Amino acid sequence: MIERDYLMRLMSQLAAAMAKIIGAKNAQNYAEARLLAQNACEQLFGLNGELVKTMDAGTLALLLGEKEKIKALAALLREEGEILLLLDNPAEGVVQFEKAMALYQEALRASPDGDADCEAAIAALEERLADLAG
């Protein structure tokens, strides 16, 4: 019960953070949107951007533990990747997309019955990366 309450609170906080990030992005305040994404990562998971950048997805998944936390971090990184593209930094955006995709794959591995959300996110990121490479 406590774990479920914790995850519900985390998802609520993630939704609020994503709303702020997307609001800043829609207002074309891309630097602010990126800062909000980085701050959300620190506040929600206790991970700074440099740590996330240097750790592989498997280690991050072990550190986060819960499948929903892994998916939440992946969603933040995916959004930060989009912001980086808008900031004309495609190389770093691709890195964030790749890390997000690897995290979604870790979350999928932690789902014995599969996870349609993870599968859809992985497919979308594969398509996005192919578009950027092409």
Protein backbone atom coordinates (compact mmCIF):
# COMPACT_ATOMS: atom_id res chain seq x y z
CA MET A 1 0.00 0.00 0.00
CA ILE A 2 2.79 2.45 0.91
CA GLU A 3 4.67 1.61 -2.28
CA ARG A 4 1.54 2.18 -4.37
CA ASP A 5 0.95 5.55 -2.68
CA TYR A 6 4.56 6.50 -3.36
CA LEU A 7 4.23 5.61 -7.05
CA MET A 8 0.95 7.52 -7.33
CA ARG A 9 2.59 10.59 -5.78
CA LEU A 10 5.58 10.23 -8.13
CA MET A 11 3.29 10.03 -11.17
CA SER A 12 1.40 13.10 -9.98
CA GLN A 13 4.65 15.03 -9.52
CA LEU A 14 5.87 13.87 -12.93
CA ALA A 15 2.65 15.04 -14.57
CA ALA A 16 3.00 18.46 -12.93
CA ALA A 17 6.64 18.73 -13.99
CA MET A 18 5.84 17.67 -17.56
CA ALA A 19 3.06 20.25 -17.74
CA LYS A 20 5.53 22.99 -16.77
CA ILE A 21 8.14 21.70 -19.21
CA ILE A 22 5.69 21.50 -22.10
CA GLY A 23 4.29 24.92 -21.20
CA ALA A 24 7.75 26.47 -21.39
CA LYS A 25 8.45 24.58 -24.61
CA ASN A 26 5.20 25.76 -26.19
CA ALA A 27 6.08 29.32 -25.18
CA GLN A 28 9.40 28.77 -27.00
CA ASN A 29 11.34 29.18 -23.75
CA TYR A 30 13.53 26.21 -24.61
CA ALA A 31 16.36 26.94 -22.17
CA GLU A 32 13.82 27.21 -19.34
CA ALA A 33 12.13 24.00 -20.49
CA ARG A 34 15.44 22.15 -20.39
CA LEU A 35 16.24 23.53 -16.95
CA LEU A 36 12.81 22.42 -15.73
CA ALA A 37 13.45 18.91 -17.10
CA GLN A 38 16.83 18.71 -15.41
CA ASN A 39 15.39 20.01 -12.13
CA ALA A 40 12.56 17.48 -12.30
CA CYS A 41 15.12 14.70 -12.72
CA GLU A 42 16.92 15.84 -9.59
CA GLN A 43 13.77 16.43 -7.55
CA LEU A 44 11.95 13.25 -8.52
CA PHE A 45 14.85 10.81 -8.62
CA GLY A 46 17.77 12.51 -6.87
CA LEU A 47 19.84 12.22 -10.04
CA ASN A 48 21.69 15.08 -11.65
CA GLY A 49 22.11 15.30 -15.40
CA GLU A 50 25.80 14.39 -15.37
CA LEU A 51 25.12 11.24 -13.40
CA VAL A 52 22.33 10.22 -15.77
CA LYS A 53 24.56 10.95 -18.74
CA THR A 54 27.44 8.80 -17.48
CA MET A 55 25.44 5.83 -16.19
CA ASP A 56 24.25 3.12 -18.53
CA ALA A 57 20.53 2.31 -18.66
CA GLY A 58 20.92 -1.00 -16.84
CA THR A 59 22.61 0.65 -13.88
CA LEU A 60 20.05 3.45 -13.81
CA ALA A 61 17.26 0.86 -13.88
CA LEU A 62 18.81 -0.99 -10.94
CA LEU A 63 19.20 2.27 -9.05
CA LEU A 64 15.59 3.30 -9.69
CA GLY A 65 14.22 -0.16 -9.01
CA GLU A 66 10.56 0.27 -9.91
CA LYS A 67 9.41 -0.13 -13.51
CA GLU A 68 7.26 3.00 -13.24
CA LYS A 69 10.21 5.05 -12.02
CA ILE A 70 12.29 3.81 -14.95
CA LYS A 71 9.52 4.79 -17.37
CA ALA A 72 9.18 8.20 -15.71
CA LEU A 73 12.88 8.95 -16.12
CA ALA A 74 12.71 7.74 -19.72
CA ALA A 75 9.82 10.13 -20.39
CA LEU A 76 11.79 13.06 -18.95
CA LEU A 77 14.84 12.21 -21.05
CA ARG A 78 12.71 11.86 -24.16
CA GLU A 79 11.21 15.30 -23.58
CA GLU A 80 14.66 16.77 -22.92
CA GLY A 81 15.80 15.25 -26.22
CA GLU A 82 13.02 17.11 -28.02
CA ILE A 83 14.03 20.34 -26.29
CA LEU A 84 17.66 19.84 -27.29
CA LEU A 85 16.58 19.53 -30.92
CA LEU A 86 14.72 22.83 -30.58
CA LEU A 87 17.88 24.34 -29.08
CA ASP A 88 19.69 23.23 -32.26
CA ASN A 89 21.70 20.59 -30.43
CA PRO A 90 20.82 17.41 -32.35
CA ALA A 91 23.84 15.39 -31.17
CA GLU A 92 22.91 15.77 -27.51
CA GLY A 93 19.24 15.27 -28.36
CA VAL A 94 20.06 11.93 -29.98
CA VAL A 95 21.99 10.90 -26.85
CA GLN A 96 18.92 11.64 -24.71
CA PHE A 97 16.66 9.73 -27.10
CA GLU A 98 18.99 6.73 -27.04
CA LYS A 99 19.16 6.75 -23.23
CA ALA A 100 15.37 7.09 -23.02
CA MET A 101 14.91 4.17 -25.41
CA ALA A 102 17.34 2.02 -23.42
CA LEU A 103 15.43 2.83 -20.22
CA TYR A 104 12.12 1.91 -21.83
CA GLN A 105 13.74 -1.38 -22.89
CA GLU A 106 14.85 -1.96 -19.27
CA ALA A 107 11.30 -1.26 -18.07
CA LEU A 108 9.95 -3.66 -20.68
CA ARG A 109 12.35 -6.36 -19.47
CA ALA A 110 10.96 -5.81 -15.96
CA SER A 111 7.43 -6.45 -17.27
CA PRO A 112 6.82 -10.19 -17.49
CA ASP A 113 3.45 -9.63 -19.19
CA GLY A 114 4.75 -6.94 -21.52
CA ASP A 115 4.00 -3.23 -21.46
CA ALA A 116 2.21 -1.60 -24.39
CA ASP A 117 3.32 1.89 -23.29
CA CYS A 118 6.98 0.87 -23.34
CA GLU A 119 6.60 -0.84 -26.69
CA ALA A 120 4.93 2.24 -28.20
CA ALA A 121 7.58 4.57 -26.76
CA ILE A 122 10.40 2.38 -28.09
CA ALA A 123 8.83 2.28 -31.56
CA ALA A 124 8.34 6.06 -31.57
CA LEU A 125 11.92 6.66 -30.46
CA GLU A 126 13.27 4.24 -33.08
CA GLU A 127 11.35 6.15 -35.73
CA ARG A 128 12.52 9.51 -34.38
CA LEU A 129 16.15 8.37 -34.36
CA ALA A 130 15.85 6.99 -37.90
CA ASP A 131 14.43 10.35 -39.07
CA LEU A 132 17.32 12.20 -37.45
CA ALA A 133 19.88 9.84 -38.96
CA GLY A 134 18.33 9.97 -42.41
